[in-house]
């Protein structure tokens, strides 16, 4: 959804509060979107393998 902001505010980015929406800029237009709900998401075998491979490669370097 496109959002019209009041004059003193030029742009918003990120979540303002925990209401399930976040703000972003897209091609110069302010957009309001719902946050994705991944609480019931189950990892596929490929996702789990990617996470494991990423952790082995990058975990502990920083």
PDB file of N, CA and C in Angstrom:
ATOM      1  N   UNK A   1       0.841  -1.154   0.000  1.00  0.00           N
ATOM      2  CA  UNK A   1       0.000   0.000   0.000  1.00  0.00           C
ATOM      3  C   UNK A   1       0.896   1.230   0.000  1.00  0.00           C
ATOM      4  N   UNK A   2       0.580   2.202  -0.838  1.00  0.00           N
ATOM      5  CA  UNK A   2       1.327   3.452  -0.863  1.00  0.00           C
ATOM      6  C   UNK A   2       0.919   4.280   0.342  1.00  0.00           C
ATOM      7  N   UNK A   3       1.874   5.012   0.897  1.00  0.00           N
ATOM      8  CA  UNK A   3       1.600   5.818   2.088  1.00  0.00           C
ATOM      9  C   UNK A   3       1.940   7.280   1.815  1.00  0.00           C
ATOM     10  N   UNK A   4       1.064   8.182   2.193  1.00  0.00           N
ATOM     11  CA  UNK A   4       1.317   9.618   2.134  1.00  0.00           C
ATOM     12  C   UNK A   4       1.776  10.067   3.510  1.00  0.00           C
ATOM     13  N   UNK A   5       2.979  10.617   3.590  1.00  0.00           N
ATOM     14  CA  UNK A   5       3.502  11.082   4.872  1.00  0.00           C
ATOM     15  C   UNK A   5       3.263  12.571   5.021  1.00  0.00           C
ATOM     16  N   UNK A   6       3.181  13.025   6.278  1.00  0.00           N
ATOM     17  CA  UNK A   6       3.007  14.452   6.513  1.00  0.00           C
ATOM     18  C   UNK A   6       4.304  15.176   6.151  1.00  0.00           C
ATOM     19  N   UNK A   7       4.217  16.440   5.901  1.00  0.00           N
ATOM     20  CA  UNK A   7       5.309  17.217   5.315  1.00  0.00           C
ATOM     21  C   UNK A   7       6.637  17.130   6.075  1.00  0.00           C
ATOM     22  N   UNK A   8       6.718  17.239   7.402  1.00  0.00           N
ATOM     23  CA  UNK A   8       8.048  17.226   8.034  1.00  0.00           C
ATOM     24  C   UNK A   8       8.771  15.881   7.937  1.00  0.00           C
ATOM     25  N   UNK A   9       8.057  14.802   7.667  1.00  0.00           N
ATOM     26  CA  UNK A   9       8.684  13.487   7.585  1.00  0.00           C
ATOM     27  C   UNK A   9       8.907  13.167   6.116  1.00  0.00           C
ATOM     28  N   UNK A  10      10.174  12.953   5.747  1.00  0.00           N
ATOM     29  CA  UNK A  10      10.494  12.671   4.354  1.00  0.00           C
ATOM     30  C   UNK A  10      10.276  11.198   4.010  1.00  0.00           C
ATOM     31  N   UNK A  11      10.796  10.301   4.861  1.00  0.00           N
ATOM     32  CA  UNK A  11      10.684   8.871   4.569  1.00  0.00           C
ATOM     33  C   UNK A  11      10.803   8.072   5.858  1.00  0.00           C
ATOM     34  N   UNK A  12      10.221   6.886   5.859  1.00  0.00           N
ATOM     35  CA  UNK A  12      10.321   5.957   6.984  1.00  0.00           C
ATOM     36  C   UNK A  12      10.898   4.652   6.479  1.00  0.00           C
ATOM     37  N   UNK A  13      11.676   3.984   7.347  1.00  0.00           N
ATOM     38  CA  UNK A  13      12.206   2.665   7.012  1.00  0.00           C
ATOM     39  C   UNK A  13      12.116   1.777   8.236  1.00  0.00           C
ATOM     40  N   UNK A  14      11.689   0.538   8.028  1.00  0.00           N
ATOM     41  CA  UNK A  14      11.652  -0.426   9.117  1.00  0.00           C
ATOM     42  C   UNK A  14      10.341  -0.419   9.867  1.00  0.00           C
ATOM     43  N   UNK A  15      10.340  -1.104  11.018  1.00  0.00           N
ATOM     44  CA  UNK A  15       9.156  -1.223  11.857  1.00  0.00           C
ATOM     45  C   UNK A  15       9.143  -0.096  12.885  1.00  0.00           C
ATOM     46  N   UNK A  16       7.982   0.506  13.084  1.00  0.00           N
ATOM     47  CA  UNK A  16       7.837   1.531  14.108  1.00  0.00           C
ATOM     48  C   UNK A  16       7.432   0.917  15.439  1.00  0.00           C
ATOM     49  N   UNK A  17       6.588  -0.079  15.411  1.00  0.00           N
ATOM     50  CA  UNK A  17       6.149  -0.789  16.612  1.00  0.00           C
ATOM     51  C   UNK A  17       5.808  -2.209  16.211  1.00  0.00           C
ATOM     52  N   UNK A  18       5.419  -3.018  17.141  1.00  0.00           N
ATOM     53  CA  UNK A  18       5.167  -4.445  16.889  1.00  0.00           C
ATOM     54  C   UNK A  18       3.718  -4.686  16.457  1.00  0.00           C
ATOM     55  N   UNK A  19       3.265  -3.969  15.432  1.00  0.00           N
ATOM     56  CA  UNK A  19       1.890  -4.143  14.971  1.00  0.00           C
ATOM     57  C   UNK A  19       1.788  -4.983  13.697  1.00  0.00           C
ATOM     58  N   UNK A  20       2.925  -5.492  13.209  1.00  0.00           N
ATOM     59  CA  UNK A  20       2.892  -6.364  12.053  1.00  0.00           C
ATOM     60  C   UNK A  20       3.088  -5.666  10.719  1.00  0.00           C
ATOM     61  N   UNK A  21       3.483  -4.386  10.719  1.00  0.00           N
ATOM     62  CA  UNK A  21       3.712  -3.642   9.485  1.00  0.00           C
ATOM     63  C   UNK A  21       5.098  -3.021   9.501  1.00  0.00           C
ATOM     64  N   UNK A  22       5.675  -2.829   8.303  1.00  0.00           N
ATOM     65  CA  UNK A  22       6.941  -2.120   8.189  1.00  0.00           C
ATOM     66  C   UNK A  22       6.893  -1.180   6.987  1.00  0.00           C
ATOM     67  N   UNK A  23       7.778  -0.184   6.997  1.00  0.00           N
ATOM     68  CA  UNK A  23       7.819   0.851   5.982  1.00  0.00           C
ATOM     69  C   UNK A  23       9.084   0.693   5.156  1.00  0.00           C
ATOM     70  N   UNK A  24       8.982   0.994   3.858  1.00  0.00           N
ATOM     71  CA  UNK A  24      10.160   0.978   3.008  1.00  0.00           C
ATOM     72  C   UNK A  24       9.930   1.909   1.822  1.00  0.00           C
ATOM     73  N   UNK A  25      11.031   2.273   1.163  1.00  0.00           N
ATOM     74  CA  UNK A  25      10.956   3.073  -0.049  1.00  0.00           C
ATOM     75  C   UNK A  25      11.135   2.146  -1.244  1.00  0.00           C
ATOM     76  N   UNK A  26      10.338   2.334  -2.277  1.00  0.00           N
ATOM     77  CA  UNK A  26      10.450   1.551  -3.506  1.00  0.00           C
ATOM     78  C   UNK A  26      10.277   2.494  -4.681  1.00  0.00           C
ATOM     79  N   UNK A  27      11.351   2.687  -5.425  1.00  0.00           N
ATOM     80  CA  UNK A  27      11.361   3.577  -6.591  1.00  0.00           C
ATOM     81  C   UNK A  27      10.839   4.961  -6.243  1.00  0.00           C
ATOM     82  N   UNK A  28      11.263   5.468  -5.086  1.00  0.00           N
ATOM     83  CA  UNK A  28      10.882   6.811  -4.666  1.00  0.00           C
ATOM     84  C   UNK A  28       9.500   6.933  -4.061  1.00  0.00           C
ATOM     85  N   UNK A  29       8.816   5.824  -3.860  1.00  0.00           N
ATOM     86  CA  UNK A  29       7.464   5.825  -3.282  1.00  0.00           C
ATOM     87  C   UNK A  29       7.523   5.146  -1.925  1.00  0.00           C
ATOM     88  N   UNK A  30       6.873   5.757  -0.941  1.00  0.00           N
ATOM     89  CA  UNK A  30       6.810   5.177   0.400  1.00  0.00           C
ATOM     90  C   UNK A  30       5.788   4.043   0.406  1.00  0.00           C
ATOM     91  N   UNK A  31       6.200   2.848   0.867  1.00  0.00           N
ATOM     92  CA  UNK A  31       5.345   1.661   0.871  1.00  0.00           C
ATOM     93  C   UNK A  31       5.186   1.157   2.303  1.00  0.00           C
ATOM     94  N   UNK A  32       3.971   0.718   2.640  1.00  0.00           N
ATOM     95  CA  UNK A  32       3.692   0.068   3.921  1.00  0.00           C
ATOM     96  C   UNK A  32       3.318  -1.375   3.608  1.00  0.00           C
ATOM     97  N   UNK A  33       3.995  -2.336   4.262  1.00  0.00           N
ATOM     98  CA  UNK A  33       3.718  -3.746   4.012  1.00  0.00           C
ATOM     99  C   UNK A  33       3.572  -4.504   5.316  1.00  0.00           C
ATOM    100  N   UNK A  34       2.839  -5.614   5.233  1.00  0.00           N
ATOM    101  CA  UNK A  34       2.734  -6.512   6.373  1.00  0.00           C
ATOM    102  C   UNK A  34       4.024  -7.307   6.513  1.00  0.00           C
ATOM    103  N   UNK A  35       4.440  -7.540   7.739  1.00  0.00           N
ATOM    104  CA  UNK A  35       5.615  -8.365   7.999  1.00  0.00           C
ATOM    105  C   UNK A  35       5.255  -9.826   7.739  1.00  0.00           C
ATOM    106  N   UNK A  36       6.171 -10.583   7.155  1.00  0.00           N
ATOM    107  CA  UNK A  36       5.874 -12.001   6.937  1.00  0.00           C
ATOM    108  C   UNK A  36       5.792 -12.760   8.256  1.00  0.00           C
ATOM    109  N   UNK A  37       4.842 -13.680   8.336  1.00  0.00           N
ATOM    110  CA  UNK A  37       4.676 -14.505   9.535  1.00  0.00           C
ATOM    111  C   UNK A  37       5.275 -15.875   9.245  1.00  0.00           C
ATOM    112  N   UNK A  38       6.468 -16.134   9.745  1.00  0.00           N
ATOM    113  CA  UNK A  38       7.142 -17.404   9.498  1.00  0.00           C
ATOM    114  C   UNK A  38       7.138 -18.279  10.739  1.00  0.00           C
ATOM    115  N   UNK A  39       6.222 -18.018  11.665  1.00  0.00           N
ATOM    116  CA  UNK A  39       6.198 -18.791  12.902  1.00  0.00           C
ATOM    117  C   UNK A  39       5.792 -20.248  12.678  1.00  0.00           C
ATOM    118  N   UNK A  40       5.003 -20.522  11.661  1.00  0.00           N
ATOM    119  CA  UNK A  40       4.555 -21.899  11.393  1.00  0.00           C
ATOM    120  C   UNK A  40       5.291 -22.527  10.214  1.00  0.00           C
ATOM    121  N   UNK A  41       6.341 -21.848   9.746  1.00  0.00           N
ATOM    122  CA  UNK A  41       7.105 -22.350   8.595  1.00  0.00           C
ATOM    123  C   UNK A  41       7.952 -23.551   8.994  1.00  0.00           C
ATOM    124  N   UNK A  42       7.916 -24.586   8.175  1.00  0.00           N
ATOM    125  CA  UNK A  42       8.753 -25.760   8.405  1.00  0.00           C
ATOM    126  C   UNK A  42       9.831 -25.770   7.332  1.00  0.00           C
ATOM    127  N   UNK A  43      11.081 -25.924   7.752  1.00  0.00           N
ATOM    128  CA  UNK A  43      12.197 -25.916   6.820  1.00  0.00           C
ATOM    129  C   UNK A  43      12.142 -27.129   5.904  1.00  0.00           C
ATOM    130  N   UNK A  44      12.471 -26.879   4.643  1.00  0.00           N
ATOM    131  CA  UNK A  44      12.624 -27.989   3.717  1.00  0.00           C
ATOM    132  C   UNK A  44      14.018 -28.592   3.943  1.00  0.00           C
ATOM    133  N   UNK A  45      14.260 -29.720   3.353  1.00  0.00           N
ATOM    134  CA  UNK A  45      15.568 -30.367   3.480  1.00  0.00           C
ATOM    135  C   UNK A  45      16.657 -29.460   2.903  1.00  0.00           C
ATOM    136  N   UNK A  46      16.363 -28.803   1.785  1.00  0.00           N
ATOM    137  CA  UNK A  46      17.339 -27.907   1.155  1.00  0.00           C
ATOM    138  C   UNK A  46      17.633 -26.701   2.041  1.00  0.00           C
ATOM    139  N   UNK A  47      16.601 -26.116   2.670  1.00  0.00           N
ATOM    140  CA  UNK A  47      16.819 -24.976   3.563  1.00  0.00           C
ATOM    141  C   UNK A  47      17.682 -25.361   4.752  1.00  0.00           C
ATOM    142  N   UNK A  48      17.397 -26.486   5.351  1.00  0.00           N
ATOM    143  CA  UNK A  48      18.181 -26.944   6.500  1.00  0.00           C
ATOM    144  C   UNK A  48      19.632 -27.191   6.103  1.00  0.00           C
ATOM    145  N   UNK A  49      19.840 -27.778   4.929  1.00  0.00           N
ATOM    146  CA  UNK A  49      21.201 -28.032   4.458  1.00  0.00           C
ATOM    147  C   UNK A  49      21.942 -26.724   4.203  1.00  0.00           C
ATOM    148  N   UNK A  50      21.262 -25.744   3.618  1.00  0.00           N
ATOM    149  CA  UNK A  50      21.886 -24.441   3.371  1.00  0.00           C
ATOM    150  C   UNK A  50      22.281 -23.756   4.670  1.00  0.00           C
ATOM    151  N   UNK A  51      21.407 -23.801   5.674  1.00  0.00           N
ATOM    152  CA  UNK A  51      21.723 -23.182   6.960  1.00  0.00           C
ATOM    153  C   UNK A  51      22.910 -23.868   7.626  1.00  0.00           C
ATOM    154  N   UNK A  52      22.953 -25.175   7.542  1.00  0.00           N
ATOM    155  CA  UNK A  52      24.062 -25.918   8.143  1.00  0.00           C
ATOM    156  C   UNK A  52      25.373 -25.588   7.434  1.00  0.00           C
ATOM    157  N   UNK A  53      25.345 -25.542   6.106  1.00  0.00           N
ATOM    158  CA  UNK A  53      26.537 -25.218   5.333  1.00  0.00           C
ATOM    159  C   UNK A  53      27.007 -23.784   5.610  1.00  0.00           C
ATOM    160  N   UNK A  54      26.068 -22.854   5.722  1.00  0.00           N
ATOM    161  CA  UNK A  54      26.403 -21.461   6.033  1.00  0.00           C
ATOM    162  C   UNK A  54      27.048 -21.363   7.411  1.00  0.00           C
ATOM    163  N   UNK A  55      26.488 -22.059   8.397  1.00  0.00           N
ATOM    164  CA  UNK A  55      27.021 -22.018   9.760  1.00  0.00           C
ATOM    165  C   UNK A  55      28.422 -22.599   9.819  1.00  0.00           C
ATOM    166  N   UNK A  56      28.667 -23.679   9.091  1.00  0.00           N
ATOM    167  CA  UNK A  56      29.998 -24.280   9.081  1.00  0.00           C
ATOM    168  C   UNK A  56      31.015 -23.350   8.447  1.00  0.00           C
ATOM    169  N   UNK A  57      30.619 -22.623   7.430  1.00  0.00           N
ATOM    170  CA  UNK A  57      31.549 -21.754   6.724  1.00  0.00           C
ATOM    171  C   UNK A  57      31.806 -20.443   7.463  1.00  0.00           C
ATOM    172  N   UNK A  58      30.776 -19.808   8.025  1.00  0.00           N
ATOM    173  CA  UNK A  58      30.915 -18.453   8.544  1.00  0.00           C
ATOM    174  C   UNK A  58      30.798 -18.320  10.063  1.00  0.00           C
ATOM    175  N   UNK A  59      30.348 -19.315  10.774  1.00  0.00           N
ATOM    176  CA  UNK A  59      30.153 -19.193  12.221  1.00  0.00           C
ATOM    177  C   UNK A  59      31.489 -19.002  12.924  1.00  0.00           C
ATOM    178  N   UNK A  60      31.524 -18.078  13.852  1.00  0.00           N
ATOM    179  CA  UNK A  60      32.715 -17.887  14.673  1.00  0.00           C
ATOM    180  C   UNK A  60      33.789 -17.005  14.066  1.00  0.00           C
ATOM    181  N   UNK A  61      33.599 -16.508  12.852  1.00  0.00           N
ATOM    182  CA  UNK A  61      34.620 -15.650  12.245  1.00  0.00           C
ATOM    183  C   UNK A  61      34.552 -14.220  12.771  1.00  0.00           C
ATOM    184  N   UNK A  62      33.412 -13.808  13.275  1.00  0.00           N
ATOM    185  CA  UNK A  62      33.279 -12.417  13.725  1.00  0.00           C
ATOM    186  C   UNK A  62      33.059 -12.386  15.200  1.00  0.00           C
TER     187      UNK A  62
END
